[in-house]
Amino acid sequence: MSQTPEPQDPQERAHRASSRREENAIWSIFGYLLSGLLFWGGVGWAADRFFNTSFLTLIGLLVGMGGALYLVWMRFVRE
């Protein structure tokens, strides 16, 4: 697989670096959201099984989404 050569123009080089940072940020945000839902949803699901209830999975998902959004806010929005 061939890579495109690095541009000589400083503006083009800066644009490509900015584009890569934005793409990495999008994947980081996706990872935060997905891992928050999976982890805390899993904790809620396990607690549902342990306590024989049916609402803790929803609470776990809500906590996971809230925590993930908080982390995204702290890392990307406040900068």
Protein backbone atom coordinates (compact mmCIF):
# COMPACT_ATOMS: atom_id res chain seq x y z
CA MET A 1 0.00 0.00 0.00
CA SER A 2 1.51 3.32 -1.00
CA GLN A 3 1.28 6.44 1.07
CA THR A 4 0.85 9.89 -0.37
CA PRO A 5 4.00 11.98 -0.12
CA GLU A 6 4.14 14.67 2.55
CA PRO A 7 3.26 18.04 0.99
CA GLN A 8 5.92 20.76 0.77
CA ASP A 9 3.45 23.60 1.37
CA PRO A 10 3.28 24.45 5.11
CA GLN A 11 -0.42 25.34 4.88
CA GLU A 12 -1.27 22.00 3.28
CA ARG A 13 0.82 20.17 5.89
CA ALA A 14 -0.99 22.02 8.70
CA HIS A 15 -4.36 21.21 7.11
CA ARG A 16 -3.54 17.50 6.97
CA ALA A 17 -2.35 17.48 10.59
CA SER A 18 -5.54 19.23 11.68
CA SER A 19 -7.62 16.76 9.71
CA ARG A 20 -5.86 13.82 11.40
CA ARG A 21 -6.42 15.34 14.86
CA GLU A 22 -10.13 15.80 14.14
CA GLU A 23 -10.43 12.20 12.92
CA ASN A 24 -8.64 10.93 16.03
CA ALA A 25 -10.93 13.04 18.24
CA ILE A 26 -14.02 11.55 16.60
CA TRP A 27 -12.78 8.02 17.26
CA SER A 28 -11.92 8.91 20.86
CA ILE A 29 -15.42 10.30 21.42
CA PHE A 30 -16.95 7.17 19.88
CA GLY A 31 -14.78 5.02 22.15
CA TYR A 32 -15.79 6.94 25.28
CA LEU A 33 -19.48 6.66 24.46
CA LEU A 34 -19.35 2.99 23.56
CA SER A 35 -17.19 1.91 26.48
CA GLY A 36 -19.33 3.86 28.97
CA LEU A 37 -22.48 2.19 27.73
CA LEU A 38 -20.94 -1.29 27.60
CA PHE A 39 -19.22 -1.13 30.99
CA TRP A 40 -21.96 0.50 33.07
CA GLY A 41 -24.72 -1.28 31.15
CA GLY A 42 -22.93 -4.53 31.98
CA VAL A 43 -22.66 -3.57 35.64
CA GLY A 44 -26.40 -2.79 35.66
CA TRP A 45 -27.20 -6.06 33.91
CA ALA A 46 -25.13 -8.04 36.43
CA ALA A 47 -26.79 -6.20 39.32
CA ASP A 48 -30.19 -7.02 37.76
CA ARG A 49 -29.30 -10.70 37.73
CA PHE A 50 -27.91 -10.62 41.26
CA PHE A 51 -30.82 -8.71 42.85
CA ASN A 52 -33.49 -10.23 40.55
CA THR A 53 -34.74 -6.84 39.35
CA SER A 54 -35.42 -5.39 35.92
CA PHE A 55 -34.53 -1.69 36.12
CA LEU A 56 -30.83 -1.60 37.00
CA THR A 57 -29.71 -2.19 33.41
CA LEU A 58 -31.41 1.04 32.38
CA ILE A 59 -29.84 2.88 35.30
CA GLY A 60 -26.43 1.48 34.34
CA LEU A 61 -26.87 2.60 30.73
CA LEU A 62 -27.89 6.09 31.85
CA VAL A 63 -24.94 6.34 34.25
CA GLY A 64 -22.60 5.12 31.49
CA MET A 65 -23.89 7.63 28.96
CA GLY A 66 -23.78 10.45 31.50
CA GLY A 67 -20.23 9.61 32.50
CA ALA A 68 -19.10 9.30 28.90
CA LEU A 69 -20.64 12.65 27.97
CA TYR A 70 -18.96 14.22 30.99
CA LEU A 71 -15.56 12.84 29.92
CA VAL A 72 -16.09 14.07 26.35
CA TRP A 73 -17.04 17.50 27.69
CA MET A 74 -13.97 17.66 29.94
CA ARG A 75 -11.55 16.51 27.25
CA PHE A 76 -12.79 18.09 24.03
CA VAL A 77 -15.27 20.90 24.68
CA ARG A 78 -13.47 22.75 27.48
CA GLU A 79 -10.19 23.02 25.50
